[in-house]
Amino acid sequence: MFHEMTIKNKPDDEPIGFTVEGILGMAGGKSAVAKACGLTIQTVAKWKRRIPTQHVRTIAIMAGLPIEIVRPDMVRAKRYE
């Protein structure tokens, strides 16, 4: 039996949230992040669960967020200095 699938479009004013995808969006998108970090867009697109340690500071600045939001685990372990 065939079931029709509906794709829900996200409204422009819906909050992005603090997922990796949301943080990348706040930082200007995958393309801007890739360029700032010297990476390919494909590499950035693979970041599903967390932003790599070596790029956290750059992305936090781009997104206008504190490191505590971008990678809370790093702050607890004091690995951001």
PDB file of N, CA and C in Angstrom:
ATOM      1  N   MET A   1       0.838  -1.172   0.000  1.00  0.00           N
ATOM      2  CA  MET A   1       0.000   0.000   0.000  1.00  0.00           C
ATOM      3  C   MET A   1       0.889   1.244   0.000  1.00  0.00           C
ATOM      4  N   PHE A   2       0.536   2.217  -0.800  1.00  0.00           N
ATOM      5  CA  PHE A   2       1.313   3.451  -0.932  1.00  0.00           C
ATOM      6  C   PHE A   2       0.790   4.511   0.027  1.00  0.00           C
ATOM      7  N   HIS A   3       1.699   5.100   0.785  1.00  0.00           N
ATOM      8  CA  HIS A   3       1.338   6.188   1.685  1.00  0.00           C
ATOM      9  C   HIS A   3       2.006   7.461   1.205  1.00  0.00           C
ATOM     10  N   GLU A   4       1.246   8.513   1.136  1.00  0.00           N
ATOM     11  CA  GLU A   4       1.790   9.793   0.696  1.00  0.00           C
ATOM     12  C   GLU A   4       2.657  10.391   1.810  1.00  0.00           C
ATOM     13  N   MET A   5       3.847  10.842   1.448  1.00  0.00           N
ATOM     14  CA  MET A   5       4.745  11.463   2.411  1.00  0.00           C
ATOM     15  C   MET A   5       4.632  12.984   2.289  1.00  0.00           C
ATOM     16  N   THR A   6       4.595  13.648   3.401  1.00  0.00           N
ATOM     17  CA  THR A   6       4.517  15.096   3.421  1.00  0.00           C
ATOM     18  C   THR A   6       5.825  15.651   3.962  1.00  0.00           C
ATOM     19  N   ILE A   7       6.373  16.603   3.246  1.00  0.00           N
ATOM     20  CA  ILE A   7       7.597  17.256   3.697  1.00  0.00           C
ATOM     21  C   ILE A   7       7.201  18.557   4.367  1.00  0.00           C
ATOM     22  N   LYS A   8       7.597  18.697   5.613  1.00  0.00           N
ATOM     23  CA  LYS A   8       7.261  19.889   6.376  1.00  0.00           C
ATOM     24  C   LYS A   8       8.344  20.946   6.157  1.00  0.00           C
ATOM     25  N   ASN A   9       7.959  22.083   5.644  1.00  0.00           N
ATOM     26  CA  ASN A   9       8.896  23.183   5.475  1.00  0.00           C
ATOM     27  C   ASN A   9       9.001  23.962   6.774  1.00  0.00           C
ATOM     28  N   LYS A  10      10.231  24.309   7.130  1.00  0.00           N
ATOM     29  CA  LYS A  10      10.483  25.028   8.365  1.00  0.00           C
ATOM     30  C   LYS A  10      10.276  26.522   8.118  1.00  0.00           C
ATOM     31  N   PRO A  11       9.471  27.202   8.937  1.00  0.00           N
ATOM     32  CA  PRO A  11       9.289  28.634   8.760  1.00  0.00           C
ATOM     33  C   PRO A  11      10.593  29.383   9.016  1.00  0.00           C
ATOM     34  N   ASP A  12      10.762  30.513   8.333  1.00  0.00           N
ATOM     35  CA  ASP A  12      11.994  31.303   8.467  1.00  0.00           C
ATOM     36  C   ASP A  12      12.225  31.810   9.881  1.00  0.00           C
ATOM     37  N   ASP A  13      11.168  32.044  10.643  1.00  0.00           N
ATOM     38  CA  ASP A  13      11.332  32.600  11.981  1.00  0.00           C
ATOM     39  C   ASP A  13      11.465  31.531  13.065  1.00  0.00           C
ATOM     40  N   GLU A  14      11.490  30.258  12.691  1.00  0.00           N
ATOM     41  CA  GLU A  14      11.634  29.196  13.676  1.00  0.00           C
ATOM     42  C   GLU A  14      13.067  29.197  14.215  1.00  0.00           C
ATOM     43  N   PRO A  15      13.248  29.087  15.530  1.00  0.00           N
ATOM     44  CA  PRO A  15      14.606  29.106  16.081  1.00  0.00           C
ATOM     45  C   PRO A  15      15.442  27.947  15.563  1.00  0.00           C
ATOM     46  N   ILE A  16      16.720  28.211  15.355  1.00  0.00           N
ATOM     47  CA  ILE A  16      17.625  27.205  14.821  1.00  0.00           C
ATOM     48  C   ILE A  16      17.997  26.206  15.894  1.00  0.00           C
ATOM     49  N   GLY A  17      18.198  26.639  17.116  1.00  0.00           N
ATOM     50  CA  GLY A  17      18.594  25.743  18.192  1.00  0.00           C
ATOM     51  C   GLY A  17      20.099  25.588  18.247  1.00  0.00           C
ATOM     52  N   PHE A  18      20.586  24.806  19.174  1.00  0.00           N
ATOM     53  CA  PHE A  18      22.012  24.644  19.346  1.00  0.00           C
ATOM     54  C   PHE A  18      22.476  23.252  18.958  1.00  0.00           C
ATOM     55  N   THR A  19      21.943  22.724  17.890  1.00  0.00           N
ATOM     56  CA  THR A  19      22.461  21.506  17.300  1.00  0.00           C
ATOM     57  C   THR A  19      23.663  21.898  16.451  1.00  0.00           C
ATOM     58  N   VAL A  20      24.433  20.931  16.009  1.00  0.00           N
ATOM     59  CA  VAL A  20      25.566  21.243  15.125  1.00  0.00           C
ATOM     60  C   VAL A  20      25.048  21.962  13.888  1.00  0.00           C
ATOM     61  N   GLU A  21      23.973  21.473  13.327  1.00  0.00           N
ATOM     62  CA  GLU A  21      23.379  22.098  12.135  1.00  0.00           C
ATOM     63  C   GLU A  21      22.973  23.542  12.430  1.00  0.00           C
ATOM     64  N   GLY A  22      22.383  23.767  13.591  1.00  0.00           N
ATOM     65  CA  GLY A  22      21.966  25.107  13.984  1.00  0.00           C
ATOM     66  C   GLY A  22      23.142  26.042  14.187  1.00  0.00           C
ATOM     67  N   ILE A  23      24.187  25.555  14.831  1.00  0.00           N
ATOM     68  CA  ILE A  23      25.377  26.377  15.064  1.00  0.00           C
ATOM     69  C   ILE A  23      26.041  26.728  13.740  1.00  0.00           C
ATOM     70  N   LEU A  24      26.127  25.754  12.833  1.00  0.00           N
ATOM     71  CA  LEU A  24      26.703  26.038  11.513  1.00  0.00           C
ATOM     72  C   LEU A  24      25.868  27.079  10.774  1.00  0.00           C
ATOM     73  N   GLY A  25      24.554  26.995  10.904  1.00  0.00           N
ATOM     74  CA  GLY A  25      23.673  27.991  10.290  1.00  0.00           C
ATOM     75  C   GLY A  25      23.896  29.375  10.869  1.00  0.00           C
ATOM     76  N   MET A  26      24.060  29.445  12.180  1.00  0.00           N
ATOM     77  CA  MET A  26      24.305  30.729  12.832  1.00  0.00           C
ATOM     78  C   MET A  26      25.675  31.298  12.458  1.00  0.00           C
ATOM     79  N   ALA A  27      26.605  30.421  12.082  1.00  0.00           N
ATOM     80  CA  ALA A  27      27.954  30.842  11.705  1.00  0.00           C
ATOM     81  C   ALA A  27      28.033  31.248  10.231  1.00  0.00           C
ATOM     82  N   GLY A  28      26.928  31.168   9.522  1.00  0.00           N
ATOM     83  CA  GLY A  28      26.921  31.590   8.123  1.00  0.00           C
ATOM     84  C   GLY A  28      26.734  30.463   7.130  1.00  0.00           C
ATOM     85  N   GLY A  29      26.594  29.247   7.627  1.00  0.00           N
ATOM     86  CA  GLY A  29      26.371  28.107   6.754  1.00  0.00           C
ATOM     87  C   GLY A  29      27.624  27.274   6.566  1.00  0.00           C
ATOM     88  N   LYS A  30      27.433  26.087   6.017  1.00  0.00           N
ATOM     89  CA  LYS A  30      28.533  25.140   5.844  1.00  0.00           C
ATOM     90  C   LYS A  30      29.625  25.686   4.937  1.00  0.00           C
ATOM     91  N   SER A  31      29.231  26.407   3.909  1.00  0.00           N
ATOM     92  CA  SER A  31      30.206  26.957   2.973  1.00  0.00           C
ATOM     93  C   SER A  31      31.113  27.984   3.648  1.00  0.00           C
ATOM     94  N   ALA A  32      30.524  28.890   4.415  1.00  0.00           N
ATOM     95  CA  ALA A  32      31.306  29.915   5.115  1.00  0.00           C
ATOM     96  C   ALA A  32      32.219  29.293   6.162  1.00  0.00           C
ATOM     97  N   VAL A  33      31.713  28.292   6.878  1.00  0.00           N
ATOM     98  CA  VAL A  33      32.507  27.612   7.898  1.00  0.00           C
ATOM     99  C   VAL A  33      33.666  26.870   7.236  1.00  0.00           C
ATOM    100  N   ALA A  34      33.377  26.170   6.144  1.00  0.00           N
ATOM    101  CA  ALA A  34      34.427  25.437   5.435  1.00  0.00           C
ATOM    102  C   ALA A  34      35.540  26.382   4.987  1.00  0.00           C
ATOM    103  N   LYS A  35      35.159  27.507   4.432  1.00  0.00           N
ATOM    104  CA  LYS A  35      36.148  28.484   3.960  1.00  0.00           C
ATOM    105  C   LYS A  35      36.983  29.031   5.122  1.00  0.00           C
ATOM    106  N   ALA A  36      36.338  29.379   6.226  1.00  0.00           N
ATOM    107  CA  ALA A  36      37.042  29.938   7.384  1.00  0.00           C
ATOM    108  C   ALA A  36      37.984  28.919   8.026  1.00  0.00           C
ATOM    109  N   CYS A  37      37.629  27.643   7.954  1.00  0.00           N
ATOM    110  CA  CYS A  37      38.435  26.598   8.584  1.00  0.00           C
ATOM    111  C   CYS A  37      39.422  25.949   7.615  1.00  0.00           C
ATOM    112  N   GLY A  38      39.379  26.352   6.349  1.00  0.00           N
ATOM    113  CA  GLY A  38      40.270  25.759   5.356  1.00  0.00           C
ATOM    114  C   GLY A  38      39.917  24.328   5.017  1.00  0.00           C
ATOM    115  N   LEU A  39      38.611  24.030   4.987  1.00  0.00           N
ATOM    116  CA  LEU A  39      38.120  22.683   4.736  1.00  0.00           C
ATOM    117  C   LEU A  39      37.192  22.675   3.534  1.00  0.00           C
ATOM    118  N   THR A  40      36.808  21.491   3.090  1.00  0.00           N
ATOM    119  CA  THR A  40      35.799  21.387   2.038  1.00  0.00           C
ATOM    120  C   THR A  40      34.409  21.387   2.684  1.00  0.00           C
ATOM    121  N   ILE A  41      33.420  21.729   1.899  1.00  0.00           N
ATOM    122  CA  ILE A  41      32.040  21.708   2.391  1.00  0.00           C
ATOM    123  C   ILE A  41      31.652  20.278   2.774  1.00  0.00           C
ATOM    124  N   GLN A  42      32.153  19.307   2.036  1.00  0.00           N
ATOM    125  CA  GLN A  42      31.835  17.912   2.320  1.00  0.00           C
ATOM    126  C   GLN A  42      32.333  17.507   3.706  1.00  0.00           C
ATOM    127  N   THR A  43      33.516  17.989   4.079  1.00  0.00           N
ATOM    128  CA  THR A  43      34.052  17.675   5.408  1.00  0.00           C
ATOM    129  C   THR A  43      33.167  18.260   6.488  1.00  0.00           C
ATOM    130  N   VAL A  44      32.760  19.519   6.318  1.00  0.00           N
ATOM    131  CA  VAL A  44      31.896  20.176   7.303  1.00  0.00           C
ATOM    132  C   VAL A  44      30.547  19.472   7.370  1.00  0.00           C
ATOM    133  N   ALA A  45      30.039  19.038   6.239  1.00  0.00           N
ATOM    134  CA  ALA A  45      28.741  18.360   6.197  1.00  0.00           C
ATOM    135  C   ALA A  45      28.745  17.042   6.980  1.00  0.00           C
ATOM    136  N   LYS A  46      29.913  16.464   7.200  1.00  0.00           N
ATOM    137  CA  LYS A  46      30.015  15.208   7.959  1.00  0.00           C
ATOM    138  C   LYS A  46      29.917  15.422   9.468  1.00  0.00           C
ATOM    139  N   TRP A  47      29.984  16.657   9.911  1.00  0.00           N
ATOM    140  CA  TRP A  47      29.903  16.948  11.343  1.00  0.00           C
ATOM    141  C   TRP A  47      28.452  16.816  11.784  1.00  0.00           C
ATOM    142  N   LYS A  48      28.082  15.700  12.289  1.00  0.00           N
ATOM    143  CA  LYS A  48      26.690  15.456  12.693  1.00  0.00           C
ATOM    144  C   LYS A  48      26.481  15.597  14.194  1.00  0.00           C
ATOM    145  N   ARG A  49      27.437  15.124  14.999  1.00  0.00           N
ATOM    146  CA  ARG A  49      27.224  15.087  16.451  1.00  0.00           C
ATOM    147  C   ARG A  49      28.004  16.151  17.209  1.00  0.00           C
ATOM    148  N   ARG A  50      29.167  16.561  16.703  1.00  0.00           N
ATOM    149  CA  ARG A  50      29.926  17.607  17.383  1.00  0.00           C
ATOM    150  C   ARG A  50      30.918  18.257  16.433  1.00  0.00           C
ATOM    151  N   ILE A  51      31.277  19.466  16.756  1.00  0.00           N
ATOM    152  CA  ILE A  51      32.245  20.225  15.973  1.00  0.00           C
ATOM    153  C   ILE A  51      33.639  19.833  16.470  1.00  0.00           C
ATOM    154  N   PRO A  52      34.570  19.522  15.562  1.00  0.00           N
ATOM    155  CA  PRO A  52      35.906  19.120  15.983  1.00  0.00           C
ATOM    156  C   PRO A  52      36.595  20.187  16.835  1.00  0.00           C
ATOM    157  N   THR A  53      37.354  19.722  17.805  1.00  0.00           N
ATOM    158  CA  THR A  53      38.014  20.586  18.781  1.00  0.00           C
ATOM    159  C   THR A  53      38.807  21.710  18.127  1.00  0.00           C
ATOM    160  N   GLN A  54      39.553  21.416  17.078  1.00  0.00           N
ATOM    161  CA  GLN A  54      40.433  22.403  16.477  1.00  0.00           C
ATOM    162  C   GLN A  54      39.685  23.535  15.771  1.00  0.00           C
ATOM    163  N   HIS A  55      38.376  23.396  15.562  1.00  0.00           N
ATOM    164  CA  HIS A  55      37.606  24.419  14.861  1.00  0.00           C
ATOM    165  C   HIS A  55      36.587  25.140  15.750  1.00  0.00           C
ATOM    166  N   VAL A  56      36.513  24.744  17.004  1.00  0.00           N
ATOM    167  CA  VAL A  56      35.492  25.291  17.901  1.00  0.00           C
ATOM    168  C   VAL A  56      35.604  26.806  18.064  1.00  0.00           C
ATOM    169  N   ARG A  57      36.791  27.309  18.329  1.00  0.00           N
ATOM    170  CA  ARG A  57      36.958  28.743  18.574  1.00  0.00           C
ATOM    171  C   ARG A  57      36.522  29.560  17.355  1.00  0.00           C
ATOM    172  N   THR A  58      36.950  29.160  16.167  1.00  0.00           N
ATOM    173  CA  THR A  58      36.586  29.874  14.934  1.00  0.00           C
ATOM    174  C   THR A  58      35.077  29.902  14.740  1.00  0.00           C
ATOM    175  N   ILE A  59      34.449  28.757  14.907  1.00  0.00           N
ATOM    176  CA  ILE A  59      33.008  28.659  14.684  1.00  0.00           C
ATOM    177  C   ILE A  59      32.232  29.397  15.767  1.00  0.00           C
ATOM    178  N   ALA A  60      32.701  29.340  17.003  1.00  0.00           N
ATOM    179  CA  ALA A  60      32.040  30.082  18.084  1.00  0.00           C
ATOM    180  C   ALA A  60      32.054  31.580  17.784  1.00  0.00           C
ATOM    181  N   ILE A  61      33.187  32.092  17.314  1.00  0.00           N
ATOM    182  CA  ILE A  61      33.281  33.515  16.959  1.00  0.00           C
ATOM    183  C   ILE A  61      32.355  33.833  15.796  1.00  0.00           C
ATOM    184  N   MET A  62      32.361  32.987  14.766  1.00  0.00           N
ATOM    185  CA  MET A  62      31.504  33.218  13.598  1.00  0.00           C
ATOM    186  C   MET A  62      30.028  33.215  13.970  1.00  0.00           C
ATOM    187  N   ALA A  63      29.646  32.317  14.883  1.00  0.00           N
ATOM    188  CA  ALA A  63      28.238  32.182  15.271  1.00  0.00           C
ATOM    189  C   ALA A  63      27.837  33.185  16.345  1.00  0.00           C
ATOM    190  N   GLY A  64      28.820  33.849  16.949  1.00  0.00           N
ATOM    191  CA  GLY A  64      28.514  34.790  18.025  1.00  0.00           C
ATOM    192  C   GLY A  64      28.057  34.081  19.288  1.00  0.00           C
ATOM    193  N   LEU A  65      28.591  32.885  19.494  1.00  0.00           N
ATOM    194  CA  LEU A  65      28.211  32.080  20.654  1.00  0.00           C
ATOM    195  C   LEU A  65      29.430  31.810  21.521  1.00  0.00           C
ATOM    196  N   PRO A  66      29.224  31.631  22.821  1.00  0.00           N
ATOM    197  CA  PRO A  66      30.346  31.237  23.667  1.00  0.00           C
ATOM    198  C   PRO A  66      30.728  29.778  23.410  1.00  0.00           C
ATOM    199  N   ILE A  67      31.972  29.460  23.691  1.00  0.00           N
ATOM    200  CA  ILE A  67      32.443  28.080  23.515  1.00  0.00           C
ATOM    201  C   ILE A  67      31.607  27.117  24.353  1.00  0.00           C
ATOM    202  N   GLU A  68      31.114  27.577  25.478  1.00  0.00           N
ATOM    203  CA  GLU A  68      30.294  26.736  26.351  1.00  0.00           C
ATOM    204  C   GLU A  68      29.052  26.200  25.644  1.00  0.00           C
ATOM    205  N   ILE A  69      28.547  26.934  24.683  1.00  0.00           N
ATOM    206  CA  ILE A  69      27.376  26.493  23.920  1.00  0.00           C
ATOM    207  C   ILE A  69      27.797  25.579  22.777  1.00  0.00           C
ATOM    208  N   VAL A  70      28.875  25.933  22.106  1.00  0.00           N
ATOM    209  CA  VAL A  70      29.319  25.174  20.937  1.00  0.00           C
ATOM    210  C   VAL A  70      29.823  23.785  21.330  1.00  0.00           C
ATOM    211  N   ARG A  71      30.624  23.697  22.384  1.00  0.00           N
ATOM    212  CA  ARG A  71      31.140  22.409  22.858  1.00  0.00           C
ATOM    213  C   ARG A  71      31.225  22.415  24.375  1.00  0.00           C
ATOM    214  N   PRO A  72      30.115  22.219  25.069  1.00  0.00           N
ATOM    215  CA  PRO A  72      30.111  22.226  26.531  1.00  0.00           C
ATOM    216  C   PRO A  72      31.064  21.198  27.139  1.00  0.00           C
ATOM    217  N   ASP A  73      31.263  20.077  26.468  1.00  0.00           N
ATOM    218  CA  ASP A  73      32.161  19.050  26.984  1.00  0.00           C
ATOM    219  C   ASP A  73      33.608  19.540  27.055  1.00  0.00           C
ATOM    220  N   MET A  74      34.016  20.410  26.150  1.00  0.00           N
ATOM    221  CA  MET A  74      35.368  20.949  26.167  1.00  0.00           C
ATOM    222  C   MET A  74      35.570  21.875  27.362  1.00  0.00           C
ATOM    223  N   VAL A  75      34.550  22.627  27.705  1.00  0.00           N
ATOM    224  CA  VAL A  75      34.655  23.564  28.817  1.00  0.00           C
ATOM    225  C   VAL A  75      34.765  22.788  30.127  1.00  0.00           C
ATOM    226  N   ARG A  76      33.977  21.749  30.255  1.00  0.00           N
ATOM    227  CA  ARG A  76      34.048  20.918  31.459  1.00  0.00           C
ATOM    228  C   ARG A  76      35.426  20.280  31.597  1.00  0.00           C
ATOM    229  N   ALA A  77      36.040  19.906  30.468  1.00  0.00           N
ATOM    230  CA  ALA A  77      37.357  19.276  30.499  1.00  0.00           C
ATOM    231  C   ALA A  77      38.478  20.316  30.387  1.00  0.00           C
ATOM    232  N   LYS A  78      38.128  21.594  30.216  1.00  0.00           N
ATOM    233  CA  LYS A  78      39.095  22.700  30.073  1.00  0.00           C
ATOM    234  C   LYS A  78      40.078  22.450  28.938  1.00  0.00           C
ATOM    235  N   ARG A  79      39.538  22.053  27.771  1.00  0.00           N
ATOM    236  CA  ARG A  79      40.384  21.784  26.611  1.00  0.00           C
ATOM    237  C   ARG A  79      40.324  22.909  25.582  1.00  0.00           C
ATOM    238  N   TYR A  80      39.846  24.068  25.916  1.00  0.00           N
ATOM    239  CA  TYR A  80      39.664  25.133  24.933  1.00  0.00           C
ATOM    240  C   TYR A  80      40.749  26.186  24.982  1.00  0.00           C
ATOM    241  N   GLU A  81      41.659  26.127  25.921  1.00  0.00           N
ATOM    242  CA  GLU A  81      42.677  27.173  26.061  1.00  0.00           C
ATOM    243  C   GLU A  81      43.843  26.928  25.134  1.00  0.00           C
TER     244      GLU A  81
END
